[in-house]
Amino acid sequence: MSEKRNTEIVQEAYSKFGSGDIDGLIAHLADDVQWETPEVENSPLSGVRSGKSAVRDFFQALLTIEEMTAFEPNAFTAQGDKVVVEGTFTAKVLSTGKAYDSKWVHIFTLENEKITGFLEFFDNAAASKAFQRADAA
């Protein structure tokens, strides 16, 4: 598969996420996808998820736990079966009312026009502070 096509698939997945079409995003994933997000204290969104169902559960939880007030993929770089995306976001943790923002990097692995792997990096210290309840100080 070409690097151009890999980039288009990832861009389509972001478009689905941006429009709230989680089923459309999930359709771009391989059945055995591995989805990994950084450790964030007091957040159930951290860790590795295996398979489409687990990733769907992740997005359903995300929508009830955080509100994305800004999410912008800014640069796409493809090489071989990898697409690296750099971006920024601002999120509000609904249980604490605290907002945080961060630059982020997403690394996608693709095979046969499906996303088989996702690895995310962002400022998880800022996220952990936003998830911290005031009474936990």
Protein backbone atom coordinates (compact mmCIF):
# COMPACT_ATOMS: atom_id res chain seq x y z
CA MET A 1 0.00 0.00 0.00
CA SER A 2 1.29 3.46 -0.81
CA GLU A 3 2.26 6.05 1.74
CA LYS A 4 -0.22 8.41 0.08
CA ARG A 5 -3.08 5.93 0.58
CA ASN A 6 -2.02 5.28 4.18
CA THR A 7 -2.16 9.02 4.85
CA GLU A 8 -5.60 9.28 3.24
CA ILE A 9 -6.94 6.47 5.45
CA VAL A 10 -5.65 8.16 8.60
CA GLN A 11 -7.09 11.51 7.46
CA GLU A 12 -10.45 9.81 6.85
CA ALA A 13 -10.35 8.35 10.38
CA TYR A 14 -9.72 11.83 11.85
CA SER A 15 -12.59 13.20 9.79
CA LYS A 16 -14.91 10.52 11.19
CA PHE A 17 -13.78 11.32 14.75
CA GLY A 18 -14.27 15.05 14.16
CA SER A 19 -17.83 14.54 12.95
CA GLY A 20 -18.69 12.18 15.82
CA ASP A 21 -18.97 9.16 13.49
CA ILE A 22 -17.27 6.59 15.75
CA ASP A 23 -18.66 3.68 13.70
CA GLY A 24 -17.06 5.23 10.62
CA LEU A 25 -13.75 5.54 12.45
CA ILE A 26 -13.96 1.92 13.69
CA ALA A 27 -14.53 0.76 10.09
CA HIS A 28 -10.95 1.87 9.32
CA LEU A 29 -9.51 -0.49 11.97
CA ALA A 30 -8.29 -4.05 11.56
CA ASP A 31 -10.16 -6.62 13.66
CA ASP A 32 -7.03 -7.19 15.80
CA VAL A 33 -6.00 -3.51 16.13
CA GLN A 34 -3.75 -2.55 19.07
CA TRP A 35 -4.66 0.89 20.51
CA GLU A 36 -2.29 2.39 23.11
CA THR A 37 -2.71 5.62 25.06
CA PRO A 38 -0.42 7.09 27.77
CA GLU A 39 -0.88 6.52 31.47
CA VAL A 40 -2.95 9.30 33.06
CA GLU A 41 -3.58 9.21 36.81
CA ASN A 42 -7.26 8.86 37.77
CA SER A 43 -8.31 8.28 34.15
CA PRO A 44 -9.84 5.04 32.87
CA LEU A 45 -8.73 5.97 29.34
CA SER A 46 -5.10 4.86 29.80
CA GLY A 47 -3.49 1.72 28.49
CA VAL A 48 -3.64 -0.79 25.68
CA ARG A 49 -6.82 -1.99 24.03
CA SER A 50 -6.97 -4.93 21.66
CA GLY A 51 -9.61 -5.32 18.95
CA LYS A 52 -12.32 -3.13 17.46
CA SER A 53 -14.76 -3.68 20.33
CA ALA A 54 -12.25 -2.48 22.92
CA VAL A 55 -11.44 0.61 20.83
CA ARG A 56 -15.16 1.34 20.43
CA ASP A 57 -15.47 1.12 24.25
CA PHE A 58 -12.56 3.57 24.55
CA PHE A 59 -14.29 6.17 22.36
CA GLN A 60 -17.62 5.72 24.15
CA ALA A 61 -15.84 6.29 27.47
CA LEU A 62 -13.91 9.26 26.07
CA LEU A 63 -17.16 10.98 25.08
CA THR A 64 -18.55 10.66 28.62
CA ILE A 65 -15.33 11.54 30.46
CA GLU A 66 -13.84 14.42 28.46
CA GLU A 67 -15.09 17.17 26.20
CA MET A 68 -12.74 18.01 23.33
CA THR A 69 -13.04 21.75 22.84
CA ALA A 70 -10.28 21.78 20.21
CA PHE A 71 -8.60 18.97 18.28
CA GLU A 72 -6.32 19.72 15.37
CA PRO A 73 -4.14 17.31 13.41
CA ASN A 74 -1.52 19.62 11.88
CA ALA A 75 1.14 17.56 10.08
CA PHE A 76 1.15 14.11 8.49
CA THR A 77 4.35 12.19 7.73
CA ALA A 78 4.21 8.75 6.10
CA GLN A 79 6.99 6.23 5.69
CA GLY A 80 6.38 2.63 4.77
CA ASP A 81 3.50 1.24 6.84
CA LYS A 82 3.61 4.12 9.37
CA VAL A 83 1.84 7.48 9.44
CA VAL A 84 2.95 9.94 12.12
CA VAL A 85 0.60 12.81 12.92
CA GLU A 86 1.43 15.90 14.97
CA GLY A 87 -1.31 18.02 16.45
CA THR A 88 -2.79 19.93 19.36
CA PHE A 89 -5.89 19.61 21.50
CA THR A 90 -7.74 21.18 24.39
CA ALA A 91 -9.92 18.98 26.58
CA LYS A 92 -12.10 19.44 29.63
CA VAL A 93 -12.42 16.67 32.22
CA LEU A 94 -16.13 16.57 32.96
CA SER A 95 -15.82 15.16 36.51
CA THR A 96 -13.47 17.94 37.68
CA GLY A 97 -14.35 20.78 35.31
CA LYS A 98 -10.62 21.30 34.65
CA ALA A 99 -9.30 21.91 31.16
CA TYR A 100 -5.87 21.12 29.78
CA ASP A 101 -4.16 21.42 26.45
CA SER A 102 -1.28 19.66 24.82
CA LYS A 103 0.64 19.02 21.67
CA TRP A 104 0.36 15.38 20.65
CA VAL A 105 1.87 12.77 18.35
CA HIS A 106 -0.05 9.77 17.00
CA ILE A 107 1.73 6.89 15.29
CA PHE A 108 -0.44 4.68 13.10
CA THR A 109 0.57 1.35 11.59
CA LEU A 110 -1.42 0.18 8.55
CA GLU A 111 -1.74 -3.06 6.64
CA ASN A 112 -4.12 -3.90 3.78
CA GLU A 113 -5.80 -0.47 4.05
CA LYS A 114 -6.66 -0.99 7.74
CA ILE A 115 -5.18 0.59 10.87
CA THR A 116 -3.51 -2.21 12.83
CA GLY A 117 -1.77 -0.10 15.46
CA PHE A 118 -2.13 3.25 17.22
CA LEU A 119 0.32 4.77 19.71
CA GLU A 120 -0.32 8.18 21.30
CA PHE A 121 1.96 10.62 23.07
CA PHE A 122 0.82 13.84 24.80
CA ASP A 123 1.41 15.81 28.02
CA ASN A 124 0.03 13.20 30.39
CA ALA A 125 1.25 15.22 33.42
CA ALA A 126 -1.12 18.04 32.44
CA ALA A 127 -3.90 15.50 31.90
CA SER A 128 -3.25 13.90 35.30
CA LYS A 129 -3.56 17.33 36.98
CA ALA A 130 -6.87 17.91 35.18
CA PHE A 131 -8.19 14.54 36.37
CA GLN A 132 -7.15 15.25 39.97
CA ARG A 133 -10.03 16.15 42.24
CA ALA A 134 -9.57 19.19 44.48
CA ASP A 135 -10.03 17.05 47.62
CA ALA A 136 -7.12 14.81 46.54
CA ALA A 137 -4.52 17.56 46.98
